[in-house]
Protein backbone atom coordinates (compact mmCIF):
# COMPACT_ATOMS: atom_id res chain seq x y z
CA UNK A 1 134.74 83.86 124.02
CA UNK A 2 134.94 87.55 123.27
CA UNK A 3 132.24 90.14 123.85
CA UNK A 4 131.24 90.39 120.15
CA UNK A 5 130.60 86.68 119.89
CA UNK A 6 128.42 86.69 122.99
CA UNK A 7 126.84 90.13 122.46
CA UNK A 8 125.02 89.51 119.18
CA UNK A 9 123.01 86.48 120.35
CA UNK A 10 122.10 88.28 123.59
CA UNK A 11 121.02 91.42 121.73
CA UNK A 12 118.93 89.38 119.29
CA UNK A 13 117.27 87.49 122.14
CA UNK A 14 116.43 90.73 123.95
CA UNK A 15 114.94 92.18 120.78
CA UNK A 16 112.75 89.14 120.22
CA UNK A 17 111.53 89.19 123.82
CA UNK A 18 110.58 92.86 123.59
CA UNK A 19 108.86 92.35 120.25
CA UNK A 20 106.53 89.81 121.88
CA UNK A 21 105.31 92.27 124.51
CA UNK A 22 101.84 93.66 123.98
CA UNK A 23 100.08 96.61 125.52
CA UNK A 24 96.41 95.78 126.21
CA UNK A 25 94.35 98.83 125.33
CA UNK A 26 90.74 99.92 125.83
CA UNK A 27 89.09 101.72 122.91
CA UNK A 28 85.93 103.54 123.99
CA UNK A 29 83.46 104.78 121.40
CA UNK A 30 81.18 107.83 121.69
CA UNK A 31 78.18 105.56 122.35
CA UNK A 32 79.92 103.88 125.33
CA UNK A 33 80.94 100.67 123.59
CA UNK A 34 84.34 99.48 124.75
CA UNK A 35 86.75 97.18 122.95
CA UNK A 36 89.69 95.52 124.67
CA UNK A 37 92.53 95.11 122.19
CA UNK A 38 95.68 93.03 122.32
CA UNK A 39 97.87 95.99 121.39
CA UNK A 40 97.68 99.74 120.89
CA UNK A 41 95.77 100.61 117.68
CA UNK A 42 98.28 103.18 116.51
CA UNK A 43 97.25 103.45 112.90
CA UNK A 44 94.50 105.42 111.28
CA UNK A 45 93.72 104.55 107.68
CA UNK A 46 93.77 107.15 104.93
CA UNK A 47 89.97 107.08 104.75
CA UNK A 48 89.61 108.10 108.43
CA UNK A 49 89.05 104.74 110.14
CA UNK A 50 90.77 102.99 113.03
CA UNK A 51 91.40 99.30 112.45
CA UNK A 52 92.34 96.94 115.26
CA UNK A 53 91.88 93.40 116.52
CA UNK A 54 90.01 92.82 119.76
CA UNK A 55 91.00 90.16 122.30
CA UNK A 56 88.71 87.57 120.70
CA UNK A 57 90.55 87.98 117.40
CA UNK A 58 87.78 89.85 115.59
CA UNK A 59 88.82 92.62 113.22
CA UNK A 60 87.14 95.92 114.15
CA UNK A 61 86.95 99.01 111.98
CA UNK A 62 85.42 102.24 113.29
CA UNK A 63 85.33 105.81 112.05
CA UNK A 64 87.80 108.02 113.85
CA UNK A 65 85.08 110.51 114.87
CA UNK A 66 83.26 107.68 116.72
CA UNK A 67 86.27 107.04 118.99
CA UNK A 68 86.09 108.85 122.34
CA UNK A 69 89.28 107.55 124.00
CA UNK A 70 92.11 105.11 123.50
CA UNK A 71 93.92 104.27 126.73
CA UNK A 72 96.23 101.61 128.11
CA UNK A 73 94.38 99.13 130.29
CA UNK A 74 95.15 99.42 134.00
């Protein structure tokens, strides 16, 4: 077996493993409400809202000016 034959399956496996990793994040609003998300809410919509999914699977949409902090959970 040469390195090319073995390399592609290993590279694909590594990519799939890394794609499955999530970064739990805490989104804190100005009023003190905190949401624990499965992954970093990195997108802001064109109309000025953050959209993310909390750990219970509920879709949450908040105005960007209501968000105080977004940080990775310790």
